[in-house]
């Protein structure tokens, strides 16, 4: 996913980072803010903050409605 800006616009000057650890994220956030920065955050599925889970579920509901895949067992995110 970190290559997405280059896929959409091969001549982009955007910076892309993959953050798998807190140090990776700190490094990405300390990059010069002179162009678009794209950060892919990789985390344990059970480490998702409740507001992120809630917004994801709401987005799926808006996109797909009551018959969408988010209503299948084990698919919808659960806030912890």
PDB file of N, CA and C in Angstrom:
ATOM      1  N   UNK A   1       0.808  -1.205   0.000  1.00  0.00           N
ATOM      2  CA  UNK A   1       0.000   0.000   0.000  1.00  0.00           C
ATOM      3  C   UNK A   1       0.849   1.266   0.000  1.00  0.00           C
ATOM      4  N   UNK A   2       2.043   1.195   0.552  1.00  0.00           N
ATOM      5  CA  UNK A   2       2.875   2.396   0.616  1.00  0.00           C
ATOM      6  C   UNK A   2       3.245   2.904  -0.774  1.00  0.00           C
ATOM      7  N   UNK A   3       3.164   2.059  -1.780  1.00  0.00           N
ATOM      8  CA  UNK A   3       3.472   2.472  -3.152  1.00  0.00           C
ATOM      9  C   UNK A   3       2.272   3.075  -3.871  1.00  0.00           C
ATOM     10  N   UNK A   4       1.143   3.193  -3.195  1.00  0.00           N
ATOM     11  CA  UNK A   4      -0.072   3.692  -3.827  1.00  0.00           C
ATOM     12  C   UNK A   4       0.109   5.050  -4.499  1.00  0.00           C
ATOM     13  N   UNK A   5       0.767   6.029  -3.869  1.00  0.00           N
ATOM     14  CA  UNK A   5       0.929   7.308  -4.573  1.00  0.00           C
ATOM     15  C   UNK A   5       1.634   7.155  -5.917  1.00  0.00           C
ATOM     16  N   UNK A   6       2.642   6.298  -6.003  1.00  0.00           N
ATOM     17  CA  UNK A   6       3.364   6.100  -7.267  1.00  0.00           C
ATOM     18  C   UNK A   6       2.528   5.313  -8.279  1.00  0.00           C
ATOM     19  N   UNK A   7       1.628   4.471  -7.800  1.00  0.00           N
ATOM     20  CA  UNK A   7       0.738   3.743  -8.711  1.00  0.00           C
ATOM     21  C   UNK A   7      -0.246   4.717  -9.348  1.00  0.00           C
ATOM     22  N   UNK A   8      -0.768   5.630  -8.537  1.00  0.00           N
ATOM     23  CA  UNK A   8      -1.752   6.582  -9.045  1.00  0.00           C
ATOM     24  C   UNK A   8      -1.113   7.695  -9.868  1.00  0.00           C
ATOM     25  N   UNK A   9       0.123   8.042  -9.516  1.00  0.00           N
ATOM     26  CA  UNK A   9       0.813   9.133 -10.209  1.00  0.00           C
ATOM     27  C   UNK A   9       2.309   8.829 -10.229  1.00  0.00           C
ATOM     28  N   UNK A  10       2.787   8.118 -11.255  1.00  0.00           N
ATOM     29  CA  UNK A  10       4.188   7.681 -11.288  1.00  0.00           C
ATOM     30  C   UNK A  10       5.214   8.805 -11.098  1.00  0.00           C
ATOM     31  N   UNK A  11       4.891  10.020 -11.504  1.00  0.00           N
ATOM     32  CA  UNK A  11       5.846  11.118 -11.371  1.00  0.00           C
ATOM     33  C   UNK A  11       5.720  11.859 -10.037  1.00  0.00           C
ATOM     34  N   UNK A  12       4.987  11.310  -9.100  1.00  0.00           N
ATOM     35  CA  UNK A  12       4.792  11.976  -7.814  1.00  0.00           C
ATOM     36  C   UNK A  12       6.104  12.141  -7.056  1.00  0.00           C
ATOM     37  N   UNK A  13       6.135  13.165  -6.241  1.00  0.00           N
ATOM     38  CA  UNK A  13       7.277  13.388  -5.359  1.00  0.00           C
ATOM     39  C   UNK A  13       6.895  13.071  -3.909  1.00  0.00           C
ATOM     40  N   UNK A  14       5.743  12.456  -3.723  1.00  0.00           N
ATOM     41  CA  UNK A  14       5.272  12.132  -2.375  1.00  0.00           C
ATOM     42  C   UNK A  14       6.241  11.167  -1.692  1.00  0.00           C
ATOM     43  N   UNK A  15       6.329  11.318  -0.386  1.00  0.00           N
ATOM     44  CA  UNK A  15       7.128  10.380   0.406  1.00  0.00           C
ATOM     45  C   UNK A  15       6.190   9.297   0.932  1.00  0.00           C
ATOM     46  N   UNK A  16       6.641   8.054   0.899  1.00  0.00           N
ATOM     47  CA  UNK A  16       5.852   6.937   1.408  1.00  0.00           C
ATOM     48  C   UNK A  16       6.636   6.200   2.483  1.00  0.00           C
ATOM     49  N   UNK A  17       5.921   5.811   3.525  1.00  0.00           N
ATOM     50  CA  UNK A  17       6.530   5.088   4.637  1.00  0.00           C
ATOM     51  C   UNK A  17       5.650   3.910   5.020  1.00  0.00           C
ATOM     52  N   UNK A  18       6.274   2.879   5.553  1.00  0.00           N
ATOM     53  CA  UNK A  18       5.556   1.759   6.167  1.00  0.00           C
ATOM     54  C   UNK A  18       5.959   1.773   7.636  1.00  0.00           C
ATOM     55  N   UNK A  19       4.981   1.936   8.518  1.00  0.00           N
ATOM     56  CA  UNK A  19       5.253   1.998   9.955  1.00  0.00           C
ATOM     57  C   UNK A  19       4.761   0.713  10.613  1.00  0.00           C
ATOM     58  N   UNK A  20       5.719  -0.108  11.049  1.00  0.00           N
ATOM     59  CA  UNK A  20       5.388  -1.354  11.739  1.00  0.00           C
ATOM     60  C   UNK A  20       5.681  -1.269  13.225  1.00  0.00           C
ATOM     61  N   UNK A  21       6.452  -0.280  13.622  1.00  0.00           N
ATOM     62  CA  UNK A  21       6.822  -0.111  15.027  1.00  0.00           C
ATOM     63  C   UNK A  21       6.627   1.353  15.406  1.00  0.00           C
ATOM     64  N   UNK A  22       6.576   1.651  16.695  1.00  0.00           N
ATOM     65  CA  UNK A  22       6.488   3.060  17.105  1.00  0.00           C
ATOM     66  C   UNK A  22       7.669   3.886  16.576  1.00  0.00           C
ATOM     67  N   UNK A  23       8.853   3.291  16.508  1.00  0.00           N
ATOM     68  CA  UNK A  23      10.007   4.019  15.969  1.00  0.00           C
ATOM     69  C   UNK A  23       9.833   4.319  14.486  1.00  0.00           C
ATOM     70  N   UNK A  24       9.270   3.365  13.731  1.00  0.00           N
ATOM     71  CA  UNK A  24       8.986   3.601  12.307  1.00  0.00           C
ATOM     72  C   UNK A  24       8.033   4.779  12.151  1.00  0.00           C
ATOM     73  N   UNK A  25       6.993   4.810  12.977  1.00  0.00           N
ATOM     74  CA  UNK A  25       6.006   5.886  12.902  1.00  0.00           C
ATOM     75  C   UNK A  25       6.643   7.216  13.273  1.00  0.00           C
ATOM     76  N   UNK A  26       7.452   7.236  14.318  1.00  0.00           N
ATOM     77  CA  UNK A  26       8.129   8.473  14.722  1.00  0.00           C
ATOM     78  C   UNK A  26       9.025   8.989  13.597  1.00  0.00           C
ATOM     79  N   UNK A  27       9.719   8.082  12.939  1.00  0.00           N
ATOM     80  CA  UNK A  27      10.575   8.469  11.822  1.00  0.00           C
ATOM     81  C   UNK A  27       9.755   9.066  10.683  1.00  0.00           C
ATOM     82  N   UNK A  28       8.643   8.436  10.357  1.00  0.00           N
ATOM     83  CA  UNK A  28       7.779   8.940   9.284  1.00  0.00           C
ATOM     84  C   UNK A  28       7.210  10.312   9.643  1.00  0.00           C
ATOM     85  N   UNK A  29       6.799  10.477  10.880  1.00  0.00           N
ATOM     86  CA  UNK A  29       6.207  11.747  11.300  1.00  0.00           C
ATOM     87  C   UNK A  29       7.237  12.863  11.412  1.00  0.00           C
ATOM     88  N   UNK A  30       8.505  12.509  11.508  1.00  0.00           N
ATOM     89  CA  UNK A  30       9.544  13.535  11.595  1.00  0.00           C
ATOM     90  C   UNK A  30      10.116  13.905  10.224  1.00  0.00           C
ATOM     91  N   UNK A  31       9.608  13.308   9.171  1.00  0.00           N
ATOM     92  CA  UNK A  31      10.066  13.637   7.817  1.00  0.00           C
ATOM     93  C   UNK A  31       9.690  15.079   7.490  1.00  0.00           C
ATOM     94  N   UNK A  32      10.492  15.733   6.662  1.00  0.00           N
ATOM     95  CA  UNK A  32      10.155  17.112   6.265  1.00  0.00           C
ATOM     96  C   UNK A  32       8.746  17.176   5.683  1.00  0.00           C
ATOM     97  N   UNK A  33       8.029  18.197   6.058  1.00  0.00           N
ATOM     98  CA  UNK A  33       6.638  18.354   5.640  1.00  0.00           C
ATOM     99  C   UNK A  33       6.557  19.302   4.442  1.00  0.00           C
ATOM    100  N   UNK A  34       7.354  19.025   3.403  1.00  0.00           N
ATOM    101  CA  UNK A  34       7.385  19.896   2.241  1.00  0.00           C
ATOM    102  C   UNK A  34       6.656  19.308   1.033  1.00  0.00           C
ATOM    103  N   UNK A  35       6.093  18.111   1.202  1.00  0.00           N
ATOM    104  CA  UNK A  35       5.329  17.469   0.138  1.00  0.00           C
ATOM    105  C   UNK A  35       4.390  16.458   0.780  1.00  0.00           C
ATOM    106  N   UNK A  36       3.550  15.840  -0.017  1.00  0.00           N
ATOM    107  CA  UNK A  36       2.612  14.867   0.527  1.00  0.00           C
ATOM    108  C   UNK A  36       3.372  13.703   1.167  1.00  0.00           C
ATOM    109  N   UNK A  37       2.888  13.272   2.315  1.00  0.00           N
ATOM    110  CA  UNK A  37       3.465  12.125   3.006  1.00  0.00           C
ATOM    111  C   UNK A  37       2.372  11.069   3.147  1.00  0.00           C
ATOM    112  N   UNK A  38       2.675   9.855   2.713  1.00  0.00           N
ATOM    113  CA  UNK A  38       1.732   8.735   2.782  1.00  0.00           C
ATOM    114  C   UNK A  38       2.321   7.722   3.749  1.00  0.00           C
ATOM    115  N   UNK A  39       1.576   7.396   4.813  1.00  0.00           N
ATOM    116  CA  UNK A  39       2.066   6.452   5.822  1.00  0.00           C
ATOM    117  C   UNK A  39       1.133   5.254   5.882  1.00  0.00           C
ATOM    118  N   UNK A  40       1.686   4.084   5.631  1.00  0.00           N
ATOM    119  CA  UNK A  40       0.950   2.837   5.807  1.00  0.00           C
ATOM    120  C   UNK A  40       1.260   2.342   7.214  1.00  0.00           C
ATOM    121  N   UNK A  41       0.233   2.233   8.027  1.00  0.00           N
ATOM    122  CA  UNK A  41       0.405   1.770   9.407  1.00  0.00           C
ATOM    123  C   UNK A  41       0.019   0.301   9.493  1.00  0.00           C
ATOM    124  N   UNK A  42       0.965  -0.536   9.903  1.00  0.00           N
ATOM    125  CA  UNK A  42       0.734  -1.971  10.024  1.00  0.00           C
ATOM    126  C   UNK A  42       0.657  -2.297  11.503  1.00  0.00           C
ATOM    127  N   UNK A  43      -0.505  -2.828  11.926  1.00  0.00           N
ATOM    128  CA  UNK A  43      -0.661  -3.153  13.336  1.00  0.00           C
ATOM    129  C   UNK A  43      -1.459  -4.432  13.506  1.00  0.00           C
ATOM    130  N   UNK A  44      -1.366  -4.987  14.675  1.00  0.00           N
ATOM    131  CA  UNK A  44      -2.118  -6.186  15.012  1.00  0.00           C
ATOM    132  C   UNK A  44      -3.611  -5.877  14.887  1.00  0.00           C
ATOM    133  N   UNK A  45      -4.393  -6.770  14.290  1.00  0.00           N
ATOM    134  CA  UNK A  45      -5.826  -6.500  14.134  1.00  0.00           C
ATOM    135  C   UNK A  45      -6.549  -6.261  15.456  1.00  0.00           C
ATOM    136  N   UNK A  46      -6.014  -6.780  16.527  1.00  0.00           N
ATOM    137  CA  UNK A  46      -6.658  -6.602  17.832  1.00  0.00           C
ATOM    138  C   UNK A  46      -6.166  -5.350  18.545  1.00  0.00           C
ATOM    139  N   UNK A  47      -5.330  -4.561  17.882  1.00  0.00           N
ATOM    140  CA  UNK A  47      -4.776  -3.355  18.475  1.00  0.00           C
ATOM    141  C   UNK A  47      -5.393  -2.103  17.870  1.00  0.00           C
ATOM    142  N   UNK A  48      -6.538  -2.259  17.256  1.00  0.00           N
ATOM    143  CA  UNK A  48      -7.218  -1.159  16.593  1.00  0.00           C
ATOM    144  C   UNK A  48      -7.930  -0.279  17.629  1.00  0.00           C
ATOM    145  N   UNK A  49      -7.666   1.030  17.625  1.00  0.00           N
ATOM    146  CA  UNK A  49      -8.377   1.915  18.561  1.00  0.00           C
ATOM    147  C   UNK A  49      -9.877   1.915  18.280  1.00  0.00           C
ATOM    148  N   UNK A  50     -10.663   1.988  19.321  1.00  0.00           N
ATOM    149  CA  UNK A  50     -12.129   1.945  19.194  1.00  0.00           C
ATOM    150  C   UNK A  50     -12.674   2.969  18.193  1.00  0.00           C
ATOM    151  N   UNK A  51     -12.195   4.224  18.191  1.00  0.00           N
ATOM    152  CA  UNK A  51     -12.735   5.176  17.202  1.00  0.00           C
ATOM    153  C   UNK A  51     -12.472   4.755  15.754  1.00  0.00           C
ATOM    154  N   UNK A  52     -11.341   4.108  15.503  1.00  0.00           N
ATOM    155  CA  UNK A  52     -11.046   3.641  14.147  1.00  0.00           C
ATOM    156  C   UNK A  52     -12.009   2.520  13.758  1.00  0.00           C
ATOM    157  N   UNK A  53     -12.227   1.584  14.679  1.00  0.00           N
ATOM    158  CA  UNK A  53     -13.161   0.494  14.412  1.00  0.00           C
ATOM    159  C   UNK A  53     -14.566   1.036  14.163  1.00  0.00           C
ATOM    160  N   UNK A  54     -14.989   1.983  14.979  1.00  0.00           N
ATOM    161  CA  UNK A  54     -16.338   2.549  14.830  1.00  0.00           C
ATOM    162  C   UNK A  54     -16.478   3.260  13.489  1.00  0.00           C
ATOM    163  N   UNK A  55     -15.460   4.011  13.094  1.00  0.00           N
ATOM    164  CA  UNK A  55     -15.563   4.733  11.820  1.00  0.00           C
ATOM    165  C   UNK A  55     -15.525   3.763  10.637  1.00  0.00           C
ATOM    166  N   UNK A  56     -14.763   2.678  10.759  1.00  0.00           N
ATOM    167  CA  UNK A  56     -14.720   1.688   9.683  1.00  0.00           C
ATOM    168  C   UNK A  56     -16.077   1.019   9.515  1.00  0.00           C
ATOM    169  N   UNK A  57     -16.692   0.661  10.629  1.00  0.00           N
ATOM    170  CA  UNK A  57     -18.009   0.031  10.560  1.00  0.00           C
ATOM    171  C   UNK A  57     -19.035   0.995   9.968  1.00  0.00           C
ATOM    172  N   UNK A  58     -18.964   2.250  10.357  1.00  0.00           N
ATOM    173  CA  UNK A  58     -19.907   3.240   9.824  1.00  0.00           C
ATOM    174  C   UNK A  58     -19.691   3.412   8.318  1.00  0.00           C
ATOM    175  N   UNK A  59     -18.421   3.476   7.903  1.00  0.00           N
ATOM    176  CA  UNK A  59     -18.127   3.614   6.476  1.00  0.00           C
ATOM    177  C   UNK A  59     -18.655   2.442   5.667  1.00  0.00           C
ATOM    178  N   UNK A  60     -18.509   1.233   6.193  1.00  0.00           N
ATOM    179  CA  UNK A  60     -19.021   0.049   5.496  1.00  0.00           C
ATOM    180  C   UNK A  60     -20.544   0.096   5.414  1.00  0.00           C
ATOM    181  N   UNK A  61     -21.162   0.589   6.466  1.00  0.00           N
ATOM    182  CA  UNK A  61     -22.623   0.682   6.472  1.00  0.00           C
ATOM    183  C   UNK A  61     -23.088   1.672   5.409  1.00  0.00           C
ATOM    184  N   UNK A  62     -22.402   2.792   5.296  1.00  0.00           N
ATOM    185  CA  UNK A  62     -22.745   3.796   4.282  1.00  0.00           C
ATOM    186  C   UNK A  62     -22.525   3.226   2.880  1.00  0.00           C
ATOM    187  N   UNK A  63     -21.391   2.529   2.694  1.00  0.00           N
ATOM    188  CA  UNK A  63     -21.062   2.002   1.368  1.00  0.00           C
ATOM    189  C   UNK A  63     -21.963   0.845   0.944  1.00  0.00           C
ATOM    190  N   UNK A  64     -22.223  -0.077   1.856  1.00  0.00           N
ATOM    191  CA  UNK A  64     -22.881  -1.333   1.480  1.00  0.00           C
ATOM    192  C   UNK A  64     -24.293  -1.518   2.025  1.00  0.00           C
ATOM    193  N   UNK A  65     -24.639  -0.830   3.111  1.00  0.00           N
ATOM    194  CA  UNK A  65     -25.960  -0.973   3.694  1.00  0.00           C
ATOM    195  C   UNK A  65     -26.112  -2.282   4.457  1.00  0.00           C
ATOM    196  N   UNK A  66     -27.345  -2.613   4.831  1.00  0.00           N
ATOM    197  CA  UNK A  66     -27.594  -3.771   5.689  1.00  0.00           C
ATOM    198  C   UNK A  66     -27.267  -5.120   5.054  1.00  0.00           C
ATOM    199  N   UNK A  67     -27.122  -5.180   3.735  1.00  0.00           N
ATOM    200  CA  UNK A  67     -26.812  -6.457   3.085  1.00  0.00           C
ATOM    201  C   UNK A  67     -25.329  -6.607   2.775  1.00  0.00           C
ATOM    202  N   UNK A  68     -24.519  -5.663   3.258  1.00  0.00           N
ATOM    203  CA  UNK A  68     -23.096  -5.658   2.942  1.00  0.00           C
ATOM    204  C   UNK A  68     -22.303  -6.728   3.666  1.00  0.00           C
ATOM    205  N   UNK A  69     -21.073  -6.925   3.235  1.00  0.00           N
ATOM    206  CA  UNK A  69     -20.217  -7.963   3.810  1.00  0.00           C
ATOM    207  C   UNK A  69     -19.868  -7.712   5.277  1.00  0.00           C
ATOM    208  N   UNK A  70     -19.990  -6.465   5.726  1.00  0.00           N
ATOM    209  CA  UNK A  70     -19.663  -6.165   7.118  1.00  0.00           C
ATOM    210  C   UNK A  70     -20.615  -6.840   8.100  1.00  0.00           C
ATOM    211  N   UNK A  71     -21.731  -7.387   7.623  1.00  0.00           N
ATOM    212  CA  UNK A  71     -22.682  -8.074   8.495  1.00  0.00           C
ATOM    213  C   UNK A  71     -22.426  -9.580   8.585  1.00  0.00           C
ATOM    214  N   UNK A  72     -21.418 -10.074   7.873  1.00  0.00           N
ATOM    215  CA  UNK A  72     -21.075 -11.484   7.971  1.00  0.00           C
ATOM    216  C   UNK A  72     -20.329 -11.731   9.269  1.00  0.00           C
ATOM    217  N   UNK A  73     -20.488 -12.917   9.821  1.00  0.00           N
ATOM    218  CA  UNK A  73     -19.803 -13.266  11.064  1.00  0.00           C
ATOM    219  C   UNK A  73     -18.304 -13.125  10.901  1.00  0.00           C
ATOM    220  N   UNK A  74     -17.675 -12.488  11.881  1.00  0.00           N
ATOM    221  CA  UNK A  74     -16.228 -12.353  11.904  1.00  0.00           C
ATOM    222  C   UNK A  74     -15.651 -11.302  10.993  1.00  0.00           C
ATOM    223  N   UNK A  75     -16.497 -10.534  10.292  1.00  0.00           N
ATOM    224  CA  UNK A  75     -15.988  -9.543   9.359  1.00  0.00           C
ATOM    225  C   UNK A  75     -16.021  -8.142   9.954  1.00  0.00           C
ATOM    226  N   UNK A  76     -17.096  -7.816  10.643  1.00  0.00           N
ATOM    227  CA  UNK A  76     -17.224  -6.460  11.178  1.00  0.00           C
ATOM    228  C   UNK A  76     -16.212  -6.237  12.292  1.00  0.00           C
ATOM    229  N   UNK A  77     -15.587  -5.057  12.264  1.00  0.00           N
ATOM    230  CA  UNK A  77     -14.649  -4.718  13.331  1.00  0.00           C
ATOM    231  C   UNK A  77     -15.396  -4.520  14.637  1.00  0.00           C
ATOM    232  N   UNK A  78     -14.793  -4.919  15.701  1.00  0.00           N
ATOM    233  CA  UNK A  78     -15.391  -4.731  17.017  1.00  0.00           C
ATOM    234  C   UNK A  78     -14.520  -3.797  17.821  1.00  0.00           C
ATOM    235  N   UNK A  79     -15.132  -2.767  18.377  1.00  0.00           N
ATOM    236  CA  UNK A  79     -14.394  -1.856  19.243  1.00  0.00           C
ATOM    237  C   UNK A  79     -14.022  -2.591  20.529  1.00  0.00           C
ATOM    238  N   UNK A  80     -12.789  -2.388  20.965  1.00  0.00           N
ATOM    239  CA  UNK A  80     -12.318  -3.053  22.173  1.00  0.00           C
ATOM    240  C   UNK A  80     -12.215  -2.085  23.328  1.00  0.00           C
TER     241      UNK A  80
END
